[in-house]
Amino acid sequence: MKPTIIITSILISASLLTIPLVFSDDDWREYKQQSLGVASVSTPLYKEECGSCHMAYAPGLLPARSWQKMMTRLDDHFGDNAELETEVNKTITDFLVNNSADKSKYRRSRKLINSLNKNDTPLRITEIPYFKHEHHEIPAKMVTANPQVNSLSNCNACHAKAEQGLFDEHSIRIPGFGRWDD
């Protein structure tokens, strides 16, 4: 072996030894969040306004174009009038768009957005192909026929950490049925 290759190998090996092998608690939470979830909701206004009627869905679950469309139709928000004052609507829309799936670095957001056609504008997370793929094996008796769940849109019924943006399958507990094992 050439001396330069040996020296380079030694330097690379030595530098690898200086990398911490243990994450700090904050680093581990961030790594877990990015690999298993989506960015959590970080604005109290959105939690207050939208979370008062349903789970405050993480913005990384839909593309920006979906959030924009949804926020312009709040007078008929899935059958309810959810209109907001103009400034509140703008603030929440900006938050949702700026943190949407297509602008996210989180793995699950990337999977959601990559499963969509470029021009698709779903208004329901349950319409996204990746979401459908991840939930297709769950029998209706566990969701729609389960009064504790009722719908796949009730994420936090089964995903205990949904509001924190975590959706890993190891922490799924379906009410009345227990742990979900895929």
Protein backbone atom coordinates (compact mmCIF):
# COMPACT_ATOMS: atom_id res chain seq x y z
CA MET A 1 0.00 0.00 0.00
CA LYS A 2 1.24 3.49 -0.79
CA PRO A 3 2.28 5.67 2.17
CA THR A 4 -0.26 8.38 1.26
CA ILE A 5 -3.10 5.86 1.34
CA ILE A 6 -1.92 4.52 4.71
CA ILE A 7 -1.64 8.02 6.18
CA THR A 8 -5.06 9.00 4.79
CA SER A 9 -6.58 5.82 6.27
CA ILE A 10 -5.03 6.55 9.66
CA LEU A 11 -6.28 10.15 9.60
CA ILE A 12 -9.81 9.09 8.65
CA SER A 13 -9.83 6.42 11.36
CA ALA A 14 -8.57 8.88 13.95
CA SER A 15 -11.17 11.47 12.98
CA LEU A 16 -13.94 8.89 13.29
CA LEU A 17 -12.86 8.25 16.86
CA THR A 18 -13.57 11.88 17.72
CA ILE A 19 -17.22 11.64 16.63
CA PRO A 20 -19.41 11.23 19.71
CA LEU A 21 -20.94 7.77 19.75
CA VAL A 22 -23.75 8.87 22.03
CA PHE A 23 -26.38 11.45 21.10
CA SER A 24 -27.35 14.08 23.62
CA ASP A 25 -31.03 13.83 24.61
CA ASP A 26 -31.90 16.79 22.38
CA ASP A 27 -29.91 15.40 19.43
CA TRP A 28 -31.55 11.99 19.82
CA ARG A 29 -35.05 13.54 19.92
CA GLU A 30 -34.27 15.53 16.77
CA TYR A 31 -32.86 12.47 14.98
CA LYS A 32 -35.86 10.35 15.98
CA GLN A 33 -38.27 13.11 14.95
CA GLN A 34 -36.64 13.52 11.53
CA SER A 35 -36.46 9.80 10.81
CA LEU A 36 -39.79 8.64 12.24
CA GLY A 37 -42.05 11.64 12.16
CA VAL A 38 -42.84 15.07 10.89
CA ALA A 39 -42.09 18.46 12.44
CA SER A 40 -44.32 19.04 15.44
CA VAL A 41 -46.69 21.97 15.64
CA SER A 42 -44.71 24.90 17.00
CA THR A 43 -47.13 27.80 17.08
CA PRO A 44 -49.64 28.30 19.90
CA LEU A 45 -52.02 30.27 17.65
CA TYR A 46 -52.51 27.31 15.30
CA LYS A 47 -52.92 24.90 18.23
CA GLU A 48 -55.46 27.24 19.79
CA GLU A 49 -57.51 28.00 16.68
CA CYS A 50 -57.44 24.67 14.84
CA GLY A 51 -56.68 22.37 17.74
CA SER A 52 -59.80 23.50 19.58
CA CYS A 53 -61.96 21.47 17.15
CA HIS A 54 -59.63 18.64 16.09
CA MET A 55 -56.03 17.59 16.42
CA ALA A 56 -53.72 20.36 15.22
CA TYR A 57 -52.34 18.41 12.28
CA ALA A 58 -48.64 18.88 11.65
CA PRO A 59 -48.06 21.08 8.59
CA GLY A 60 -45.60 18.48 7.25
CA LEU A 61 -48.52 16.14 6.52
CA LEU A 62 -49.72 18.11 3.46
CA PRO A 63 -48.07 20.11 0.68
CA ALA A 64 -48.18 23.91 0.73
CA ARG A 65 -50.72 24.03 -2.10
CA SER A 66 -53.14 21.94 -0.01
CA TRP A 67 -52.81 24.18 3.04
CA GLN A 68 -53.30 27.28 0.87
CA LYS A 69 -56.45 25.85 -0.69
CA MET A 70 -57.83 24.69 2.65
CA MET A 71 -57.24 28.04 4.33
CA THR A 72 -59.16 29.87 1.57
CA ARG A 73 -62.21 27.65 2.10
CA LEU A 74 -62.73 27.87 5.84
CA ASP A 75 -66.35 28.93 5.40
CA ASP A 76 -66.99 25.28 4.42
CA HIS A 77 -64.28 23.38 6.30
CA PHE A 78 -65.45 19.78 5.87
CA GLY A 79 -69.03 20.86 6.48
CA ASP A 80 -68.34 23.38 9.24
CA ASN A 81 -67.75 27.11 9.22
CA ALA A 82 -64.23 27.62 10.59
CA GLU A 83 -63.64 31.16 9.30
CA LEU A 84 -60.96 33.16 11.05
CA GLU A 85 -60.18 36.85 11.28
CA THR A 86 -58.07 37.94 8.29
CA GLU A 87 -54.84 38.48 10.22
CA VAL A 88 -55.20 35.20 12.16
CA ASN A 89 -55.90 33.36 8.91
CA LYS A 90 -52.80 34.87 7.31
CA THR A 91 -50.57 34.01 10.26
CA ILE A 92 -51.77 30.40 10.37
CA THR A 93 -51.60 30.02 6.58
CA ASP A 94 -48.01 31.32 6.58
CA PHE A 95 -47.09 28.85 9.33
CA LEU A 96 -48.68 25.91 7.48
CA VAL A 97 -47.16 26.81 4.10
CA ASN A 98 -43.68 27.51 5.48
CA ASN A 99 -43.63 24.16 7.30
CA SER A 100 -45.47 22.05 4.74
CA ALA A 101 -44.39 18.61 3.54
CA ASP A 102 -42.79 19.95 0.37
CA LYS A 103 -40.57 22.28 2.43
CA SER A 104 -39.70 19.77 5.13
CA LYS A 105 -36.49 17.89 5.86
CA TYR A 106 -38.36 15.21 7.82
CA ARG A 107 -38.38 11.74 6.30
CA ARG A 108 -42.09 11.01 6.69
CA SER A 109 -43.02 14.38 5.16
CA ARG A 110 -40.75 13.58 2.21
CA LYS A 111 -42.44 10.19 1.78
CA LEU A 112 -45.88 11.80 1.85
CA ILE A 113 -44.97 14.44 -0.73
CA ASN A 114 -43.08 12.00 -2.97
CA SER A 115 -46.15 9.76 -3.20
CA LEU A 116 -48.22 12.57 -4.72
CA ASN A 117 -48.39 13.58 -8.35
CA LYS A 118 -46.92 17.03 -8.86
CA ASN A 119 -50.31 18.69 -9.36
CA ASP A 120 -52.32 16.80 -6.72
CA THR A 121 -53.81 19.04 -4.06
CA PRO A 122 -55.32 16.75 -1.42
CA LEU A 123 -57.36 18.39 1.30
CA ARG A 124 -57.35 15.28 3.44
CA ILE A 125 -54.22 13.54 4.67
CA THR A 126 -56.12 10.28 4.26
CA GLU A 127 -56.19 10.88 0.47
CA ILE A 128 -52.40 10.75 0.12
CA PRO A 129 -51.06 7.52 -1.47
CA TYR A 130 -48.33 7.06 1.17
CA PHE A 131 -50.90 7.41 3.95
CA LYS A 132 -53.18 4.88 2.24
CA HIS A 133 -50.27 2.47 1.84
CA GLU A 134 -49.36 2.72 5.52
CA HIS A 135 -52.94 2.12 6.68
CA HIS A 136 -54.30 -0.36 4.09
CA GLU A 137 -53.97 -3.45 6.30
CA ILE A 138 -55.96 -2.06 9.22
CA PRO A 139 -59.44 -3.63 9.28
CA ALA A 140 -62.51 -1.37 9.46
CA LYS A 141 -63.51 -2.93 12.80
CA MET A 142 -60.45 -1.26 14.32
CA VAL A 143 -61.09 2.18 12.84
CA THR A 144 -64.44 3.17 11.32
CA ALA A 145 -66.42 0.62 13.36
CA ASN A 146 -64.47 1.48 16.51
CA PRO A 147 -66.30 4.23 18.46
CA GLN A 148 -63.02 5.25 20.12
CA VAL A 149 -61.41 5.93 16.73
CA ASN A 150 -64.22 6.50 14.13
CA SER A 151 -61.90 7.61 11.31
CA LEU A 152 -58.36 7.39 10.01
CA SER A 153 -58.25 11.17 10.35
CA ASN A 154 -58.34 10.77 14.14
CA CYS A 155 -54.57 10.21 14.24
CA ASN A 156 -54.10 10.74 17.96
CA ALA A 157 -56.57 7.97 18.81
CA CYS A 158 -53.96 5.35 17.83
CA HIS A 159 -50.73 7.34 17.54
CA ALA A 160 -50.13 8.50 21.10
CA LYS A 161 -47.44 10.95 19.98
CA ALA A 162 -49.19 12.26 16.86
CA GLU A 163 -49.41 15.78 18.25
CA GLN A 164 -45.63 15.73 18.67
CA GLY A 165 -45.30 14.64 15.03
CA LEU A 166 -44.29 11.03 15.76
CA PHE A 167 -45.99 8.26 13.81
CA ASP A 168 -43.69 5.26 14.20
CA GLU A 169 -45.51 1.94 14.06
CA HIS A 170 -43.96 0.68 17.31
CA SER A 171 -45.99 3.13 19.38
CA ILE A 172 -49.38 2.43 17.80
CA ARG A 173 -52.09 1.41 20.27
CA ILE A 174 -55.54 0.95 18.77
CA PRO A 175 -58.22 1.56 21.42
CA GLY A 176 -59.98 -1.68 22.30
CA PHE A 177 -57.41 -3.75 20.39
CA GLY A 178 -54.01 -2.84 21.81
CA ARG A 179 -50.66 -2.65 20.09
CA TRP A 180 -50.68 -2.79 16.30
CA ASP A 181 -48.08 -5.15 14.90
CA ASP A 182 -47.64 -4.85 11.16
